Amino acid sequence: MSGLDAARPFLPVQIAVLTVSDSRTSSDDRSGDLLAGRVTAANHILQARALVPDEADRIEAQLREWIADPEVDAVIATGGTGITGRDVTPEAFQRVVEKDIPGFGELFRMLSFSKIGTSTMQSRALAGVADGTYLFALPGSPGACRDGWDDILVHQLDNRFRPCNLVELMPRLNEHRR
């Protein structure tokens, strides 16, 4: 049965939040605010936060900066995952991802289906690993960020979650580099 094992000590994860948007500013970034609030409410460390336009080179540069930072364990991006011409977050992620985590996008769309129906097929939410850093890309709406955090990430980024979680795998993510 899945759930929290209270006998295990909590290990905070150092998380960076990236908002990808041509129209948002730091003063009206509701999705980024929601994710940052959820990260800290769960007792994780909000290590960094940024807002970049829907430009693959800028997204990639920010991801590479955080991937290279040993103080960032995971990046959660919001925005740019749709299918319009300016939606390039998945393409930028693919430039840096070493291993895909296809189950994240599949699970996100499955959970989202019960709320928005077949419109969920327009989401290209995804996750992967790059140089030992987890990367997650969520759609830009606060509802999608709430669903992604509350239904998936809050559990998988908690080392007490059983039967398994992404945190307990963190020490092994770079085994291929040794």
N, C-alpha and C. Protein backbone atom coordinates (compact mmCIF):
# COMPACT_ATOMS: atom_id res chain seq x y z
N MET A 1 0.84 -1.18 0.00
CA MET A 1 0.00 0.00 0.00
C MET A 1 0.89 1.24 0.00
N SER A 2 0.48 2.26 -0.74
CA SER A 2 1.30 3.47 -0.80
C SER A 2 0.88 4.45 0.28
N GLY A 3 1.83 5.29 0.65
CA GLY A 3 1.57 6.32 1.65
C GLY A 3 2.86 6.74 2.32
N LEU A 4 2.75 7.62 3.29
CA LEU A 4 3.92 8.11 4.01
C LEU A 4 4.31 7.16 5.12
N ASP A 5 5.58 6.91 5.22
CA ASP A 5 6.14 6.12 6.32
C ASP A 5 6.70 7.11 7.33
N ALA A 6 5.94 7.38 8.38
CA ALA A 6 6.31 8.38 9.38
C ALA A 6 7.57 8.00 10.15
N ALA A 7 7.98 6.74 10.08
CA ALA A 7 9.19 6.32 10.78
C ALA A 7 10.46 6.80 10.08
N ARG A 8 10.34 7.16 8.81
CA ARG A 8 11.50 7.66 8.06
C ARG A 8 11.64 9.16 8.27
N PRO A 9 12.87 9.66 8.42
CA PRO A 9 13.05 11.11 8.56
C PRO A 9 12.85 11.82 7.22
N PHE A 10 12.26 13.00 7.26
CA PHE A 10 12.04 13.80 6.06
C PHE A 10 13.37 14.37 5.57
N LEU A 11 13.59 14.32 4.27
CA LEU A 11 14.78 14.91 3.65
C LEU A 11 14.33 16.01 2.70
N PRO A 12 14.62 17.28 2.99
CA PRO A 12 14.19 18.35 2.08
C PRO A 12 14.95 18.30 0.76
N VAL A 13 14.23 18.58 -0.31
CA VAL A 13 14.81 18.63 -1.65
C VAL A 13 14.99 20.10 -2.01
N GLN A 14 16.10 20.43 -2.67
CA GLN A 14 16.37 21.79 -3.11
C GLN A 14 15.80 21.96 -4.52
N ILE A 15 14.81 22.84 -4.63
CA ILE A 15 14.02 22.94 -5.85
C ILE A 15 14.08 24.35 -6.44
N ALA A 16 14.23 24.42 -7.76
CA ALA A 16 14.15 25.69 -8.49
C ALA A 16 12.85 25.69 -9.29
N VAL A 17 12.20 26.83 -9.33
CA VAL A 17 10.94 26.99 -10.07
C VAL A 17 11.18 27.94 -11.24
N LEU A 18 10.83 27.47 -12.43
CA LEU A 18 11.00 28.23 -13.65
C LEU A 18 9.65 28.48 -14.30
N THR A 19 9.32 29.75 -14.52
CA THR A 19 8.12 30.09 -15.27
C THR A 19 8.53 30.48 -16.69
N VAL A 20 7.88 29.87 -17.66
CA VAL A 20 8.13 30.17 -19.07
C VAL A 20 6.89 30.90 -19.59
N SER A 21 7.08 32.17 -19.95
CA SER A 21 5.93 32.94 -20.41
C SER A 21 6.37 34.21 -21.13
N ASP A 22 5.63 34.55 -22.17
CA ASP A 22 5.82 35.83 -22.86
C ASP A 22 4.93 36.91 -22.25
N SER A 23 3.94 36.50 -21.48
CA SER A 23 2.95 37.47 -21.00
C SER A 23 2.98 37.70 -19.49
N ARG A 24 3.61 36.84 -18.74
CA ARG A 24 3.65 36.99 -17.28
C ARG A 24 4.85 37.82 -16.85
N THR A 25 4.69 38.44 -15.67
CA THR A 25 5.79 39.12 -15.01
C THR A 25 5.89 38.56 -13.60
N SER A 26 6.90 38.93 -12.87
CA SER A 26 7.04 38.43 -11.50
C SER A 26 5.87 38.87 -10.62
N SER A 27 5.20 39.95 -10.99
CA SER A 27 4.08 40.43 -10.17
C SER A 27 2.76 39.72 -10.44
N ASP A 28 2.65 39.01 -11.56
CA ASP A 28 1.39 38.30 -11.85
C ASP A 28 1.61 36.83 -12.24
N ASP A 29 2.68 36.26 -11.75
CA ASP A 29 3.03 34.86 -12.04
C ASP A 29 2.33 33.92 -11.04
N ARG A 30 1.05 33.72 -11.25
CA ARG A 30 0.27 32.90 -10.31
C ARG A 30 0.73 31.45 -10.27
N SER A 31 1.11 30.89 -11.41
CA SER A 31 1.55 29.49 -11.43
C SER A 31 2.89 29.33 -10.71
N GLY A 32 3.83 30.22 -10.98
CA GLY A 32 5.10 30.18 -10.28
C GLY A 32 4.94 30.40 -8.79
N ASP A 33 4.05 31.34 -8.43
CA ASP A 33 3.77 31.60 -7.01
C ASP A 33 3.19 30.36 -6.34
N LEU A 34 2.25 29.71 -7.04
CA LEU A 34 1.63 28.51 -6.49
C LEU A 34 2.68 27.43 -6.23
N LEU A 35 3.53 27.18 -7.22
CA LEU A 35 4.56 26.15 -7.05
C LEU A 35 5.54 26.51 -5.95
N ALA A 36 6.00 27.75 -5.92
CA ALA A 36 6.93 28.19 -4.87
C ALA A 36 6.30 28.02 -3.49
N GLY A 37 5.04 28.39 -3.37
CA GLY A 37 4.34 28.23 -2.10
C GLY A 37 4.19 26.78 -1.69
N ARG A 38 3.88 25.92 -2.65
CA ARG A 38 3.72 24.50 -2.35
C ARG A 38 5.07 23.89 -1.94
N VAL A 39 6.13 24.28 -2.62
CA VAL A 39 7.47 23.77 -2.31
C VAL A 39 7.83 24.08 -0.86
N THR A 40 7.67 25.33 -0.47
CA THR A 40 8.04 25.72 0.89
C THR A 40 7.07 25.16 1.94
N ALA A 41 5.79 25.08 1.60
CA ALA A 41 4.81 24.51 2.54
C ALA A 41 5.10 23.04 2.82
N ALA A 42 5.72 22.35 1.87
CA ALA A 42 6.07 20.94 2.05
C ALA A 42 7.43 20.79 2.73
N ASN A 43 8.01 21.92 3.18
CA ASN A 43 9.30 21.93 3.88
C ASN A 43 10.50 21.61 3.00
N HIS A 44 10.34 21.80 1.70
CA HIS A 44 11.48 21.71 0.81
C HIS A 44 12.14 23.09 0.76
N ILE A 45 13.26 23.18 0.07
CA ILE A 45 14.00 24.44 -0.03
C ILE A 45 13.78 25.03 -1.42
N LEU A 46 13.20 26.23 -1.47
CA LEU A 46 13.07 26.94 -2.74
C LEU A 46 14.43 27.58 -3.00
N GLN A 47 15.23 26.90 -3.78
CA GLN A 47 16.61 27.29 -4.01
C GLN A 47 16.74 28.45 -4.98
N ALA A 48 15.85 28.52 -5.97
CA ALA A 48 15.94 29.56 -6.98
C ALA A 48 14.60 29.68 -7.69
N ARG A 49 14.44 30.83 -8.34
CA ARG A 49 13.22 31.05 -9.12
C ARG A 49 13.56 32.01 -10.25
N ALA A 50 12.98 31.75 -11.42
CA ALA A 50 13.23 32.61 -12.58
C ALA A 50 12.01 32.61 -13.49
N LEU A 51 11.93 33.65 -14.31
CA LEU A 51 10.90 33.77 -15.33
C LEU A 51 11.62 34.09 -16.64
N VAL A 52 11.40 33.27 -17.65
CA VAL A 52 12.02 33.48 -18.96
C VAL A 52 10.94 33.45 -20.04
N PRO A 53 11.19 34.11 -21.18
CA PRO A 53 10.22 34.08 -22.28
C PRO A 53 10.21 32.73 -22.98
N ASP A 54 9.19 32.52 -23.79
CA ASP A 54 9.05 31.29 -24.56
C ASP A 54 10.08 31.27 -25.69
N GLU A 55 11.33 31.11 -25.32
CA GLU A 55 12.43 31.01 -26.27
C GLU A 55 13.30 29.84 -25.85
N ALA A 56 13.43 28.86 -26.73
CA ALA A 56 14.13 27.62 -26.38
C ALA A 56 15.55 27.87 -25.87
N ASP A 57 16.27 28.80 -26.50
CA ASP A 57 17.65 29.06 -26.05
C ASP A 57 17.69 29.60 -24.63
N ARG A 58 16.75 30.47 -24.28
CA ARG A 58 16.71 31.04 -22.92
C ARG A 58 16.30 29.99 -21.90
N ILE A 59 15.34 29.15 -22.26
CA ILE A 59 14.92 28.07 -21.36
C ILE A 59 16.08 27.12 -21.14
N GLU A 60 16.72 26.72 -22.21
CA GLU A 60 17.86 25.80 -22.12
C GLU A 60 18.97 26.40 -21.25
N ALA A 61 19.29 27.66 -21.44
CA ALA A 61 20.36 28.29 -20.66
C ALA A 61 20.03 28.27 -19.18
N GLN A 62 18.78 28.57 -18.82
CA GLN A 62 18.40 28.55 -17.41
C GLN A 62 18.47 27.14 -16.84
N LEU A 63 17.99 26.17 -17.61
CA LEU A 63 18.07 24.78 -17.16
C LEU A 63 19.52 24.36 -16.95
N ARG A 64 20.38 24.68 -17.90
CA ARG A 64 21.80 24.30 -17.77
C ARG A 64 22.45 24.94 -16.55
N GLU A 65 22.08 26.18 -16.27
CA GLU A 65 22.63 26.86 -15.09
C GLU A 65 22.25 26.10 -13.82
N TRP A 66 20.99 25.71 -13.71
CA TRP A 66 20.54 25.01 -12.51
C TRP A 66 21.03 23.57 -12.47
N ILE A 67 21.13 22.91 -13.62
CA ILE A 67 21.66 21.54 -13.65
C ILE A 67 23.10 21.53 -13.15
N ALA A 68 23.86 22.55 -13.48
CA ALA A 68 25.26 22.64 -13.05
C ALA A 68 25.42 23.04 -11.59
N ASP A 69 24.36 23.53 -10.97
CA ASP A 69 24.41 24.01 -9.60
C ASP A 69 24.18 22.85 -8.63
N PRO A 70 25.17 22.49 -7.82
CA PRO A 70 24.98 21.37 -6.88
C PRO A 70 23.94 21.65 -5.80
N GLU A 71 23.50 22.90 -5.70
CA GLU A 71 22.47 23.26 -4.72
C GLU A 71 21.05 23.09 -5.26
N VAL A 72 20.91 22.62 -6.50
CA VAL A 72 19.59 22.38 -7.09
C VAL A 72 19.45 20.90 -7.38
N ASP A 73 18.47 20.27 -6.72
CA ASP A 73 18.19 18.85 -6.94
C ASP A 73 17.12 18.63 -8.00
N ALA A 74 16.20 19.58 -8.12
CA ALA A 74 15.08 19.43 -9.05
C ALA A 74 14.64 20.80 -9.56
N VAL A 75 14.17 20.82 -10.80
CA VAL A 75 13.61 22.01 -11.41
C VAL A 75 12.18 21.69 -11.80
N ILE A 76 11.27 22.59 -11.42
CA ILE A 76 9.88 22.46 -11.84
C ILE A 76 9.58 23.68 -12.70
N ALA A 77 9.29 23.44 -13.97
CA ALA A 77 8.95 24.51 -14.89
C ALA A 77 7.45 24.53 -15.12
N THR A 78 6.93 25.73 -15.36
CA THR A 78 5.52 25.88 -15.68
C THR A 78 5.41 26.76 -16.91
N GLY A 79 4.64 26.30 -17.89
CA GLY A 79 4.39 27.08 -19.09
C GLY A 79 5.13 26.55 -20.31
N GLY A 80 4.58 26.86 -21.47
CA GLY A 80 5.22 26.51 -22.73
C GLY A 80 5.13 25.05 -23.12
N THR A 81 4.19 24.31 -22.54
CA THR A 81 4.08 22.88 -22.84
C THR A 81 2.94 22.55 -23.81
N GLY A 82 2.30 23.55 -24.33
CA GLY A 82 1.20 23.32 -25.26
C GLY A 82 1.70 23.00 -26.67
N ILE A 83 0.83 23.21 -27.65
CA ILE A 83 1.18 22.84 -29.02
C ILE A 83 1.21 24.02 -29.99
N THR A 84 1.11 25.25 -29.46
CA THR A 84 1.16 26.40 -30.35
C THR A 84 2.61 26.69 -30.75
N GLY A 85 2.78 27.59 -31.67
CA GLY A 85 4.10 27.90 -32.19
C GLY A 85 5.08 28.41 -31.16
N ARG A 86 4.62 29.12 -30.12
CA ARG A 86 5.51 29.67 -29.10
C ARG A 86 5.79 28.66 -27.97
N ASP A 87 5.11 27.55 -27.94
CA ASP A 87 5.29 26.56 -26.87
C ASP A 87 6.50 25.69 -27.18
N VAL A 88 7.64 26.02 -26.55
CA VAL A 88 8.89 25.33 -26.87
C VAL A 88 9.59 24.73 -25.64
N THR A 89 8.89 24.68 -24.52
CA THR A 89 9.53 24.12 -23.32
C THR A 89 9.96 22.67 -23.52
N PRO A 90 9.12 21.79 -24.07
CA PRO A 90 9.58 20.40 -24.27
C PRO A 90 10.81 20.31 -25.18
N GLU A 91 10.86 21.14 -26.20
CA GLU A 91 12.02 21.11 -27.09
C GLU A 91 13.29 21.54 -26.35
N ALA A 92 13.18 22.56 -25.50
CA ALA A 92 14.33 23.01 -24.71
C ALA A 92 14.74 21.93 -23.71
N PHE A 93 13.77 21.28 -23.10
CA PHE A 93 14.08 20.19 -22.16
C PHE A 93 14.83 19.07 -22.87
N GLN A 94 14.39 18.72 -24.08
CA GLN A 94 15.03 17.62 -24.80
C GLN A 94 16.49 17.91 -25.13
N ARG A 95 16.86 19.16 -25.19
CA ARG A 95 18.26 19.53 -25.43
C ARG A 95 19.17 19.17 -24.26
N VAL A 96 18.59 19.06 -23.06
CA VAL A 96 19.41 18.82 -21.86
C VAL A 96 19.14 17.47 -21.18
N VAL A 97 17.97 16.90 -21.39
CA VAL A 97 17.60 15.67 -20.70
C VAL A 97 18.46 14.50 -21.17
N GLU A 98 18.99 13.75 -20.21
CA GLU A 98 19.75 12.54 -20.50
C GLU A 98 18.86 11.30 -20.46
N LYS A 99 17.92 11.29 -19.53
CA LYS A 99 16.97 10.18 -19.42
C LYS A 99 15.57 10.75 -19.24
N ASP A 100 14.67 10.28 -20.08
CA ASP A 100 13.26 10.67 -19.96
C ASP A 100 12.60 9.91 -18.82
N ILE A 101 11.60 10.54 -18.22
CA ILE A 101 10.72 9.87 -17.26
C ILE A 101 9.32 9.92 -17.86
N PRO A 102 9.03 9.06 -18.85
CA PRO A 102 7.76 9.17 -19.57
C PRO A 102 6.53 8.99 -18.68
N GLY A 103 6.67 8.25 -17.60
CA GLY A 103 5.53 8.02 -16.72
C GLY A 103 4.98 9.30 -16.10
N PHE A 104 5.82 10.32 -15.93
CA PHE A 104 5.35 11.57 -15.36
C PHE A 104 4.30 12.21 -16.26
N GLY A 105 4.61 12.40 -17.52
CA GLY A 105 3.65 13.01 -18.45
C GLY A 105 2.41 12.15 -18.63
N GLU A 106 2.62 10.85 -18.69
CA GLU A 106 1.48 9.93 -18.83
C GLU A 106 0.55 10.04 -17.63
N LEU A 107 1.14 10.03 -16.43
CA LEU A 107 0.34 10.12 -15.20
C LEU A 107 -0.34 11.48 -15.10
N PHE A 108 0.38 12.54 -15.44
CA PHE A 108 -0.21 13.88 -15.39
C PHE A 108 -1.44 13.94 -16.30
N ARG A 109 -1.31 13.46 -17.53
CA ARG A 109 -2.45 13.52 -18.46
C ARG A 109 -3.59 12.61 -18.01
N MET A 110 -3.27 11.47 -17.41
CA MET A 110 -4.32 10.59 -16.91
C MET A 110 -5.12 11.28 -15.80
N LEU A 111 -4.40 11.90 -14.85
CA LEU A 111 -5.07 12.60 -13.76
C LEU A 111 -5.84 13.81 -14.27
N SER A 112 -5.27 14.50 -15.23
CA SER A 112 -5.88 15.70 -15.79
C SER A 112 -7.15 15.37 -16.57
N PHE A 113 -7.22 14.19 -17.15
CA PHE A 113 -8.38 13.79 -17.95
C PHE A 113 -9.67 13.88 -17.13
N SER A 114 -9.60 13.50 -15.85
CA SER A 114 -10.81 13.52 -15.02
C SER A 114 -11.29 14.95 -14.77
N LYS A 115 -10.44 15.94 -14.99
CA LYS A 115 -10.81 17.33 -14.73
C LYS A 115 -11.11 18.12 -15.99
N ILE A 116 -10.35 17.86 -17.07
CA ILE A 116 -10.55 18.66 -18.29
C ILE A 116 -10.87 17.81 -19.51
N GLY A 117 -11.07 16.53 -19.30
CA GLY A 117 -11.46 15.65 -20.40
C GLY A 117 -10.38 15.52 -21.46
N THR A 118 -10.82 15.36 -22.69
CA THR A 118 -9.88 15.10 -23.77
C THR A 118 -8.96 16.28 -24.08
N SER A 119 -9.24 17.45 -23.52
CA SER A 119 -8.35 18.60 -23.73
C SER A 119 -6.95 18.32 -23.19
N THR A 120 -6.84 17.34 -22.30
CA THR A 120 -5.53 17.01 -21.73
C THR A 120 -4.54 16.53 -22.80
N MET A 121 -5.05 16.08 -23.94
CA MET A 121 -4.13 15.61 -24.99
C MET A 121 -3.28 16.74 -25.55
N GLN A 122 -3.66 17.99 -25.30
CA GLN A 122 -2.89 19.13 -25.77
C GLN A 122 -1.68 19.43 -24.89
N SER A 123 -1.59 18.78 -23.74
CA SER A 123 -0.47 19.00 -22.83
C SER A 123 0.73 18.13 -23.20
N ARG A 124 1.89 18.75 -23.19
CA ARG A 124 3.12 18.00 -23.41
C ARG A 124 3.96 18.01 -22.13
N ALA A 125 3.27 17.89 -20.99
CA ALA A 125 3.97 17.80 -19.71
C ALA A 125 4.97 16.65 -19.79
N LEU A 126 6.14 16.85 -19.20
CA LEU A 126 7.18 15.83 -19.28
C LEU A 126 8.14 15.95 -18.12
N ALA A 127 8.98 14.94 -17.98
CA ALA A 127 10.02 14.95 -16.95
C ALA A 127 11.22 14.17 -17.45
N GLY A 128 12.35 14.46 -16.82
CA GLY A 128 13.57 13.75 -17.16
C GLY A 128 14.64 14.02 -16.12
N VAL A 129 15.82 13.50 -16.40
CA VAL A 129 16.98 13.68 -15.52
C VAL A 129 18.14 14.18 -16.37
N ALA A 130 18.88 15.15 -15.84
CA ALA A 130 20.09 15.65 -16.50
C ALA A 130 21.15 15.87 -15.45
N ASP A 131 22.27 15.18 -15.57
CA ASP A 131 23.39 15.29 -14.64
C ASP A 131 22.95 15.24 -13.18
N GLY A 132 22.06 14.31 -12.88
CA GLY A 132 21.61 14.09 -11.51
C GLY A 132 20.54 15.04 -11.02
N THR A 133 20.02 15.89 -11.89
CA THR A 133 18.97 16.84 -11.53
C THR A 133 17.66 16.42 -12.18
N TYR A 134 16.61 16.36 -11.36
CA TYR A 134 15.29 16.07 -11.91
C TYR A 134 14.73 17.33 -12.58
N LEU A 135 14.09 17.14 -13.74
CA LEU A 135 13.47 18.23 -14.47
C LEU A 135 12.01 17.87 -14.75
N PHE A 136 11.11 18.76 -14.37
CA PHE A 136 9.68 18.55 -14.59
C PHE A 136 9.12 19.75 -15.33
N ALA A 137 8.28 19.52 -16.32
CA ALA A 137 7.63 20.60 -17.06
C ALA A 137 6.12 20.42 -16.98
N LEU A 138 5.47 21.43 -16.42
CA LEU A 138 4.02 21.43 -16.26
C LEU A 138 3.41 22.51 -17.14
N PRO A 139 2.13 22.38 -17.49
CA PRO A 139 1.45 23.46 -18.20
C PRO A 139 1.44 24.74 -17.35
N GLY A 140 1.12 25.86 -17.99
CA GLY A 140 1.22 27.15 -17.34
C GLY A 140 0.04 27.59 -16.48
N SER A 141 -1.01 26.82 -16.39
CA SER A 141 -2.15 27.26 -15.59
C SER A 141 -1.96 26.88 -14.12
N PRO A 142 -2.49 27.71 -13.21
CA PRO A 142 -2.40 27.36 -11.80
C PRO A 142 -3.06 26.00 -11.50
N GLY A 143 -4.15 25.69 -12.19
CA GLY A 143 -4.81 24.40 -11.96
C GLY A 143 -3.90 23.23 -12.32
N ALA A 144 -3.21 23.34 -13.44
CA ALA A 144 -2.29 22.28 -13.86
C ALA A 144 -1.12 22.16 -12.87
N CYS A 145 -0.63 23.29 -12.40
CA CYS A 145 0.47 23.26 -11.42
C CYS A 145 0.00 22.64 -10.10
N ARG A 146 -1.21 22.98 -9.70
CA ARG A 146 -1.78 22.40 -8.48
C ARG A 146 -1.90 20.88 -8.64
N ASP A 147 -2.43 20.45 -9.77
CA ASP A 147 -2.59 19.01 -10.00
C ASP A 147 -1.24 18.31 -10.04
N GLY A 148 -0.27 18.88 -10.76
CA GLY A 148 1.05 18.26 -10.87
C GLY A 148 1.74 18.15 -9.52
N TRP A 149 1.64 19.19 -8.71
CA TRP A 149 2.27 19.15 -7.40
C TRP A 149 1.49 18.25 -6.44
N ASP A 150 0.19 18.54 -6.27
CA ASP A 150 -0.61 17.86 -5.25
C ASP A 150 -0.81 16.38 -5.53
N ASP A 151 -0.88 16.01 -6.81
CA ASP A 151 -1.19 14.62 -7.15
C ASP A 151 0.03 13.77 -7.47
N ILE A 152 1.17 14.41 -7.77
CA ILE A 152 2.35 13.64 -8.17
C ILE A 152 3.59 14.06 -7.38
N LEU A 153 4.01 15.29 -7.57
CA LEU A 153 5.32 15.71 -7.08
C LEU A 153 5.44 15.74 -5.56
N VAL A 154 4.40 16.16 -4.87
CA VAL A 154 4.49 16.19 -3.40
C VAL A 154 4.81 14.80 -2.85
N HIS A 155 4.36 13.76 -3.52
CA HIS A 155 4.61 12.39 -3.08
C HIS A 155 5.99 11.91 -3.54
N GLN A 156 6.28 12.09 -4.81
CA GLN A 156 7.53 11.55 -5.35
C GLN A 156 8.76 12.32 -4.91
N LEU A 157 8.59 13.55 -4.43
CA LEU A 157 9.72 14.31 -3.90
C LEU A 157 9.78 14.25 -2.37
N ASP A 158 9.12 13.27 -1.80
CA ASP A 158 9.16 13.03 -0.35
C ASP A 158 9.74 11.65 -0.11
N ASN A 159 10.90 11.60 0.51
CA ASN A 159 11.59 10.32 0.72
C ASN A 159 10.83 9.36 1.62
N ARG A 160 9.80 9.84 2.30
CA ARG A 160 9.01 8.96 3.17
C ARG A 160 7.91 8.24 2.41
N PHE A 161 7.66 8.64 1.17
CA PHE A 161 6.58 8.04 0.39
C PHE A 161 6.97 6.63 0.00
N ARG A 162 6.09 5.68 0.25
CA ARG A 162 6.33 4.28 -0.03
C ARG A 162 5.32 3.78 -1.05
N PRO A 163 5.60 2.86 -1.89
CA PRO A 163 6.73 1.94 -1.77
C PRO A 163 8.04 2.48 -2.31
N CYS A 164 8.03 3.54 -3.13
CA CYS A 164 9.28 4.10 -3.62
C CYS A 164 9.03 5.55 -4.02
N ASN A 165 10.13 6.30 -4.18
CA ASN A 165 10.03 7.70 -4.52
C ASN A 165 11.28 8.12 -5.27
N LEU A 166 11.25 9.30 -5.85
CA LEU A 166 12.39 9.78 -6.63
C LEU A 166 13.56 10.22 -5.75
N VAL A 167 13.29 10.62 -4.52
CA VAL A 167 14.35 11.11 -3.64
C VAL A 167 15.35 10.01 -3.31
N GLU A 168 14.86 8.81 -3.03
CA GLU A 168 15.78 7.73 -2.67
C GLU A 168 16.66 7.30 -3.84
N LEU A 169 16.29 7.69 -5.05
CA LEU A 169 17.11 7.38 -6.23
C LEU A 169 18.18 8.44 -6.49
N MET A 170 18.06 9.60 -5.87
CA MET A 170 18.97 10.71 -6.15
C MET A 170 20.45 10.35 -6.03
N PRO A 171 20.87 9.62 -5.00
CA PRO A 171 22.31 9.28 -4.92
C PRO A 171 22.81 8.41 -6.06
N ARG A 172 21.90 7.77 -6.79
CA ARG A 172 22.29 6.85 -7.85
C ARG A 172 22.13 7.43 -9.26
N LEU A 173 21.66 8.65 -9.39
CA LEU A 173 21.36 9.20 -10.71
C LEU A 173 22.58 9.37 -11.59
N ASN A 174 23.74 9.54 -11.01
CA ASN A 174 24.96 9.72 -11.82
C ASN A 174 25.89 8.51 -11.76
N GLU A 175 25.37 7.35 -11.47
CA GLU A 175 26.22 6.14 -11.42
C GLU A 175 26.97 5.92 -12.72
N HIS A 176 26.37 6.26 -13.83
CA HIS A 176 27.01 6.05 -15.14
C HIS A 176 28.23 6.95 -15.34
N ARG A 177 28.41 7.97 -14.53
CA ARG A 177 29.51 8.90 -14.66
C ARG A 177 30.74 8.47 -13.83
N ARG A 178 30.56 7.49 -12.97
CA ARG A 178 31.65 7.07 -12.08
C ARG A 178 32.65 6.20 -12.78
